[in-house]
Amino acid sequence: MKNNFFPLQFVILGYLLIGFGIYFLIRGDWVGFIMIPAGMGFSFLIINQKFDLENKKYREYYGFLGLKFGKWKDIPMIEYVSVFLERSVQGKNVVSISSYHAEENFKIDLIISKTERIEAGLEKERDAALEKGKEIAKALDKKLLDYTSGKPVWVELQKEKTKK
């Protein structure tokens, strides 16, 4: 899951700050030294997660221009893995004109307790989310709850056969 830290309008603002910063530097104004790093922060700062399922570790990190800041942590004892449909609506209002943009994504979470969870992924397609959820659940030896169709259903995970 790769997310920009700032919404799209701030990313655009960041590019504008970089452009104006370069313009001010060419003109010999020191304000450009402030505008360029601020613009780069708005434009290139991301939040991401990585999972190492073999070693049962994960990390949440900030990424900036290829540099990653964040420490690996042990995955805590989880109850189960959940895949569910997440709907979000973003509204925009200008004077008397309103516009709404609805988006649906399938989210994968590691459920620790009723109040704690770790986000493990976000997919546009249901099948891709379920496959990723199955992979995580098998690696952690936990159950998978499919909550994508309104009714929660426990997914039967096939155990890999070991060769003797």
C-alpha atoms as a PDB file:
ATOM      1  CA  MET A   1       0.000   0.000   0.000  1.00  0.00           C
ATOM      2  CA  LYS A   2       1.560   3.214  -1.147  1.00  0.00           C
ATOM      3  CA  ASN A   3      -0.046   6.473  -0.115  1.00  0.00           C
ATOM      4  CA  ASN A   4       0.918  10.055  -0.633  1.00  0.00           C
ATOM      5  CA  PHE A   5       1.057  11.782   2.702  1.00  0.00           C
ATOM      6  CA  PHE A   6      -0.805  14.802   1.338  1.00  0.00           C
ATOM      7  CA  PRO A   7      -3.990  14.975  -0.793  1.00  0.00           C
ATOM      8  CA  LEU A   8      -3.663  15.683  -4.519  1.00  0.00           C
ATOM      9  CA  GLN A   9      -4.233  19.432  -4.194  1.00  0.00           C
ATOM     10  CA  PHE A  10      -1.233  19.698  -1.844  1.00  0.00           C
ATOM     11  CA  VAL A  11       0.915  17.653  -4.227  1.00  0.00           C
ATOM     12  CA  ILE A  12       0.033  20.129  -6.988  1.00  0.00           C
ATOM     13  CA  LEU A  13       0.803  22.983  -4.592  1.00  0.00           C
ATOM     14  CA  GLY A  14       4.178  21.327  -3.951  1.00  0.00           C
ATOM     15  CA  TYR A  15       5.045  21.312  -7.642  1.00  0.00           C
ATOM     16  CA  LEU A  16       4.031  24.981  -7.871  1.00  0.00           C
ATOM     17  CA  LEU A  17       6.250  25.808  -4.881  1.00  0.00           C
ATOM     18  CA  ILE A  18       9.175  24.039  -6.552  1.00  0.00           C
ATOM     19  CA  GLY A  19       8.583  25.987  -9.772  1.00  0.00           C
ATOM     20  CA  PHE A  20       8.308  29.340  -7.995  1.00  0.00           C
ATOM     21  CA  GLY A  21      11.332  28.450  -5.851  1.00  0.00           C
ATOM     22  CA  ILE A  22      13.437  27.866  -8.968  1.00  0.00           C
ATOM     23  CA  TYR A  23      12.140  31.142 -10.416  1.00  0.00           C
ATOM     24  CA  PHE A  24      13.108  33.054  -7.263  1.00  0.00           C
ATOM     25  CA  LEU A  25      16.563  31.441  -7.185  1.00  0.00           C
ATOM     26  CA  ILE A  26      17.166  32.463 -10.797  1.00  0.00           C
ATOM     27  CA  ARG A  27      16.176  36.020  -9.817  1.00  0.00           C
ATOM     28  CA  GLY A  28      18.658  35.850  -6.948  1.00  0.00           C
ATOM     29  CA  ASP A  29      16.066  35.823  -4.148  1.00  0.00           C
ATOM     30  CA  TRP A  30      16.877  33.614  -1.128  1.00  0.00           C
ATOM     31  CA  VAL A  31      13.159  32.728  -0.617  1.00  0.00           C
ATOM     32  CA  GLY A  32      13.672  29.990  -3.231  1.00  0.00           C
ATOM     33  CA  PHE A  33      15.824  28.095  -0.703  1.00  0.00           C
ATOM     34  CA  ILE A  34      12.716  27.788   1.492  1.00  0.00           C
ATOM     35  CA  MET A  35      10.146  27.167  -1.238  1.00  0.00           C
ATOM     36  CA  ILE A  36      11.946  24.287  -2.983  1.00  0.00           C
ATOM     37  CA  PRO A  37      12.309  21.989   0.086  1.00  0.00           C
ATOM     38  CA  ALA A  38       8.748  22.783   1.191  1.00  0.00           C
ATOM     39  CA  GLY A  39       7.482  21.945  -2.293  1.00  0.00           C
ATOM     40  CA  MET A  40       9.484  18.717  -2.349  1.00  0.00           C
ATOM     41  CA  GLY A  41       7.963  17.743   0.994  1.00  0.00           C
ATOM     42  CA  PHE A  42       4.441  18.308  -0.311  1.00  0.00           C
ATOM     43  CA  SER A  43       5.135  16.516  -3.595  1.00  0.00           C
ATOM     44  CA  PHE A  44       7.280  13.516  -2.728  1.00  0.00           C
ATOM     45  CA  LEU A  45       6.517  12.452   0.869  1.00  0.00           C
ATOM     46  CA  ILE A  46       4.788   9.046   0.996  1.00  0.00           C
ATOM     47  CA  ILE A  47       3.668   6.624   3.673  1.00  0.00           C
ATOM     48  CA  ASN A  48       4.097   2.953   2.901  1.00  0.00           C
ATOM     49  CA  GLN A  49       4.099  -0.434   4.593  1.00  0.00           C
ATOM     50  CA  LYS A  50       6.158  -3.544   4.073  1.00  0.00           C
ATOM     51  CA  PHE A  51       5.536  -7.014   5.424  1.00  0.00           C
ATOM     52  CA  ASP A  52       8.113  -9.757   5.882  1.00  0.00           C
ATOM     53  CA  LEU A  53       5.788 -12.735   6.368  1.00  0.00           C
ATOM     54  CA  GLU A  54       8.604 -15.287   6.704  1.00  0.00           C
ATOM     55  CA  ASN A  55      10.027 -13.510   9.754  1.00  0.00           C
ATOM     56  CA  LYS A  56       6.606 -12.211  10.905  1.00  0.00           C
ATOM     57  CA  LYS A  57       7.681  -8.569  10.854  1.00  0.00           C
ATOM     58  CA  TYR A  58       6.285  -5.379   9.377  1.00  0.00           C
ATOM     59  CA  ARG A  59       7.209  -1.765   9.134  1.00  0.00           C
ATOM     60  CA  GLU A  60       5.405   1.469   8.448  1.00  0.00           C
ATOM     61  CA  TYR A  61       7.732   4.014   6.966  1.00  0.00           C
ATOM     62  CA  TYR A  62       7.914   7.462   5.469  1.00  0.00           C
ATOM     63  CA  GLY A  63       9.569   7.620   2.092  1.00  0.00           C
ATOM     64  CA  PHE A  64      11.151  10.720   0.638  1.00  0.00           C
ATOM     65  CA  LEU A  65      13.136  10.697  -2.615  1.00  0.00           C
ATOM     66  CA  GLY A  66      13.997   7.015  -2.224  1.00  0.00           C
ATOM     67  CA  LEU A  67      15.006   7.265   1.437  1.00  0.00           C
ATOM     68  CA  LYS A  68      12.918   5.224   3.876  1.00  0.00           C
ATOM     69  CA  PHE A  69      12.465   6.076   7.549  1.00  0.00           C
ATOM     70  CA  GLY A  70      10.851   3.453   9.793  1.00  0.00           C
ATOM     71  CA  LYS A  71      11.802   0.470  11.942  1.00  0.00           C
ATOM     72  CA  TRP A  72      10.835  -3.180  11.573  1.00  0.00           C
ATOM     73  CA  LYS A  73       8.461  -4.424  14.273  1.00  0.00           C
ATOM     74  CA  ASP A  74       7.216  -7.893  15.155  1.00  0.00           C
ATOM     75  CA  ILE A  75       3.683  -8.596  13.985  1.00  0.00           C
ATOM     76  CA  PRO A  76       1.714  -8.843  17.240  1.00  0.00           C
ATOM     77  CA  MET A  77      -0.543 -11.780  18.035  1.00  0.00           C
ATOM     78  CA  ILE A  78      -3.530 -11.314  15.746  1.00  0.00           C
ATOM     79  CA  GLU A  79      -6.971 -12.907  15.937  1.00  0.00           C
ATOM     80  CA  TYR A  80      -7.655 -13.112  12.187  1.00  0.00           C
ATOM     81  CA  VAL A  81      -7.197 -11.430   8.801  1.00  0.00           C
ATOM     82  CA  SER A  82     -10.129  -9.460   7.397  1.00  0.00           C
ATOM     83  CA  VAL A  83     -10.951  -8.361   3.839  1.00  0.00           C
ATOM     84  CA  PHE A  84     -13.747  -5.813   3.526  1.00  0.00           C
ATOM     85  CA  LEU A  85     -15.183  -3.166   1.247  1.00  0.00           C
ATOM     86  CA  GLU A  86     -14.296   0.399   2.186  1.00  0.00           C
ATOM     87  CA  ARG A  87     -16.349   3.222   0.702  1.00  0.00           C
ATOM     88  CA  SER A  88     -15.199   6.815   0.846  1.00  0.00           C
ATOM     89  CA  VAL A  89     -16.825   9.973  -0.440  1.00  0.00           C
ATOM     90  CA  GLN A  90     -15.007  13.229  -1.037  1.00  0.00           C
ATOM     91  CA  GLY A  91     -17.119  16.353  -1.425  1.00  0.00           C
ATOM     92  CA  LYS A  92     -16.179  19.609  -3.092  1.00  0.00           C
ATOM     93  CA  ASN A  93     -18.174  22.806  -2.737  1.00  0.00           C
ATOM     94  CA  VAL A  94     -17.635  26.063  -4.591  1.00  0.00           C
ATOM     95  CA  VAL A  95     -20.198  28.788  -3.926  1.00  0.00           C
ATOM     96  CA  SER A  96     -23.434  27.017  -4.983  1.00  0.00           C
ATOM     97  CA  ILE A  97     -21.903  24.107  -6.919  1.00  0.00           C
ATOM     98  CA  SER A  98     -21.384  20.784  -5.130  1.00  0.00           C
ATOM     99  CA  SER A  99     -19.598  17.717  -6.406  1.00  0.00           C
ATOM    100  CA  TYR A 100     -19.027  14.338  -4.779  1.00  0.00           C
ATOM    101  CA  HIS A 101     -16.601  11.608  -5.720  1.00  0.00           C
ATOM    102  CA  ALA A 102     -17.301   8.140  -4.319  1.00  0.00           C
ATOM    103  CA  GLU A 103     -14.623   5.468  -4.321  1.00  0.00           C
ATOM    104  CA  GLU A 104     -14.711   1.801  -3.335  1.00  0.00           C
ATOM    105  CA  ASN A 105     -11.636  -0.180  -2.365  1.00  0.00           C
ATOM    106  CA  PHE A 106     -11.106  -3.570  -0.802  1.00  0.00           C
ATOM    107  CA  LYS A 107      -9.073  -3.300   2.366  1.00  0.00           C
ATOM    108  CA  ILE A 108      -7.038  -6.001   4.101  1.00  0.00           C
ATOM    109  CA  ASP A 109      -6.513  -5.678   7.857  1.00  0.00           C
ATOM    110  CA  LEU A 110      -4.806  -7.775  10.505  1.00  0.00           C
ATOM    111  CA  ILE A 111      -7.228  -7.766  13.447  1.00  0.00           C
ATOM    112  CA  ILE A 112      -5.485  -7.693  16.816  1.00  0.00           C
ATOM    113  CA  SER A 113      -8.540  -6.938  18.986  1.00  0.00           C
ATOM    114  CA  LYS A 114     -11.877  -5.149  18.702  1.00  0.00           C
ATOM    115  CA  THR A 115     -10.120  -1.795  18.784  1.00  0.00           C
ATOM    116  CA  GLU A 116      -6.693  -2.537  17.274  1.00  0.00           C
ATOM    117  CA  ARG A 117      -5.748  -3.432  13.718  1.00  0.00           C
ATOM    118  CA  ILE A 118      -2.879  -3.175  11.279  1.00  0.00           C
ATOM    119  CA  GLU A 119      -3.647  -2.110   7.727  1.00  0.00           C
ATOM    120  CA  ALA A 120      -2.105  -4.673   5.399  1.00  0.00           C
ATOM    121  CA  GLY A 121      -3.219  -3.519   1.977  1.00  0.00           C
ATOM    122  CA  LEU A 122      -5.691  -1.845  -0.314  1.00  0.00           C
ATOM    123  CA  GLU A 123      -6.847  -3.267  -3.646  1.00  0.00           C
ATOM    124  CA  LYS A 124      -9.261  -2.095  -6.338  1.00  0.00           C
ATOM    125  CA  GLU A 125     -10.403  -5.634  -7.229  1.00  0.00           C
ATOM    126  CA  ARG A 126     -12.120  -8.068  -4.842  1.00  0.00           C
ATOM    127  CA  ASP A 127     -10.275 -11.146  -6.144  1.00  0.00           C
ATOM    128  CA  ALA A 128      -6.860  -9.509  -5.751  1.00  0.00           C
ATOM    129  CA  ALA A 129      -7.716  -8.497  -2.170  1.00  0.00           C
ATOM    130  CA  LEU A 130      -8.891 -12.005  -1.290  1.00  0.00           C
ATOM    131  CA  GLU A 131      -5.746 -13.577  -2.767  1.00  0.00           C
ATOM    132  CA  LYS A 132      -3.540 -11.223  -0.801  1.00  0.00           C
ATOM    133  CA  GLY A 133      -5.608 -11.895   2.339  1.00  0.00           C
ATOM    134  CA  LYS A 134      -5.252 -15.665   1.824  1.00  0.00           C
ATOM    135  CA  GLU A 135      -1.498 -15.330   1.410  1.00  0.00           C
ATOM    136  CA  ILE A 136      -1.180 -13.345   4.639  1.00  0.00           C
ATOM    137  CA  ALA A 137      -3.541 -15.623   6.592  1.00  0.00           C
ATOM    138  CA  LYS A 138      -1.653 -18.761   5.489  1.00  0.00           C
ATOM    139  CA  ALA A 139       1.723 -17.241   6.361  1.00  0.00           C
ATOM    140  CA  LEU A 140       0.524 -16.234   9.830  1.00  0.00           C
ATOM    141  CA  ASP A 141      -1.540 -19.417  10.309  1.00  0.00           C
ATOM    142  CA  LYS A 142      -4.742 -17.461  11.033  1.00  0.00           C
ATOM    143  CA  LYS A 143      -8.328 -17.463   9.737  1.00  0.00           C
ATOM    144  CA  LEU A 144      -9.548 -15.189   6.933  1.00  0.00           C
ATOM    145  CA  LEU A 145     -12.838 -13.303   7.184  1.00  0.00           C
ATOM    146  CA  ASP A 146     -14.390 -12.230   3.862  1.00  0.00           C
ATOM    147  CA  TYR A 147     -16.630  -9.245   4.578  1.00  0.00           C
ATOM    148  CA  THR A 148     -16.845  -7.988   0.982  1.00  0.00           C
ATOM    149  CA  SER A 149     -20.442  -8.946   0.219  1.00  0.00           C
ATOM    150  CA  GLY A 150     -22.351  -7.646   3.249  1.00  0.00           C
ATOM    151  CA  LYS A 151     -22.351 -10.932   5.157  1.00  0.00           C
ATOM    152  CA  PRO A 152     -19.179 -12.080   6.896  1.00  0.00           C
ATOM    153  CA  VAL A 153     -17.952 -15.461   5.649  1.00  0.00           C
ATOM    154  CA  TRP A 154     -14.969 -17.410   6.942  1.00  0.00           C
ATOM    155  CA  VAL A 155     -12.827 -18.480   3.979  1.00  0.00           C
ATOM    156  CA  GLU A 156     -11.608 -22.047   3.900  1.00  0.00           C
ATOM    157  CA  LEU A 157      -7.833 -21.987   3.499  1.00  0.00           C
ATOM    158  CA  GLN A 158      -6.258 -25.023   1.901  1.00  0.00           C
ATOM    159  CA  LYS A 159      -3.215 -26.258   3.733  1.00  0.00           C
ATOM    160  CA  GLU A 160      -0.182 -26.936   1.592  1.00  0.00           C
ATOM    161  CA  LYS A 161       0.666 -30.615   1.481  1.00  0.00           C
ATOM    162  CA  THR A 162       4.142 -31.461   2.680  1.00  0.00           C
ATOM    163  CA  LYS A 163       6.145 -33.987   0.699  1.00  0.00           C
ATOM    164  CA  LYS A 164       7.563 -36.941   2.592  1.00  0.00           C
END
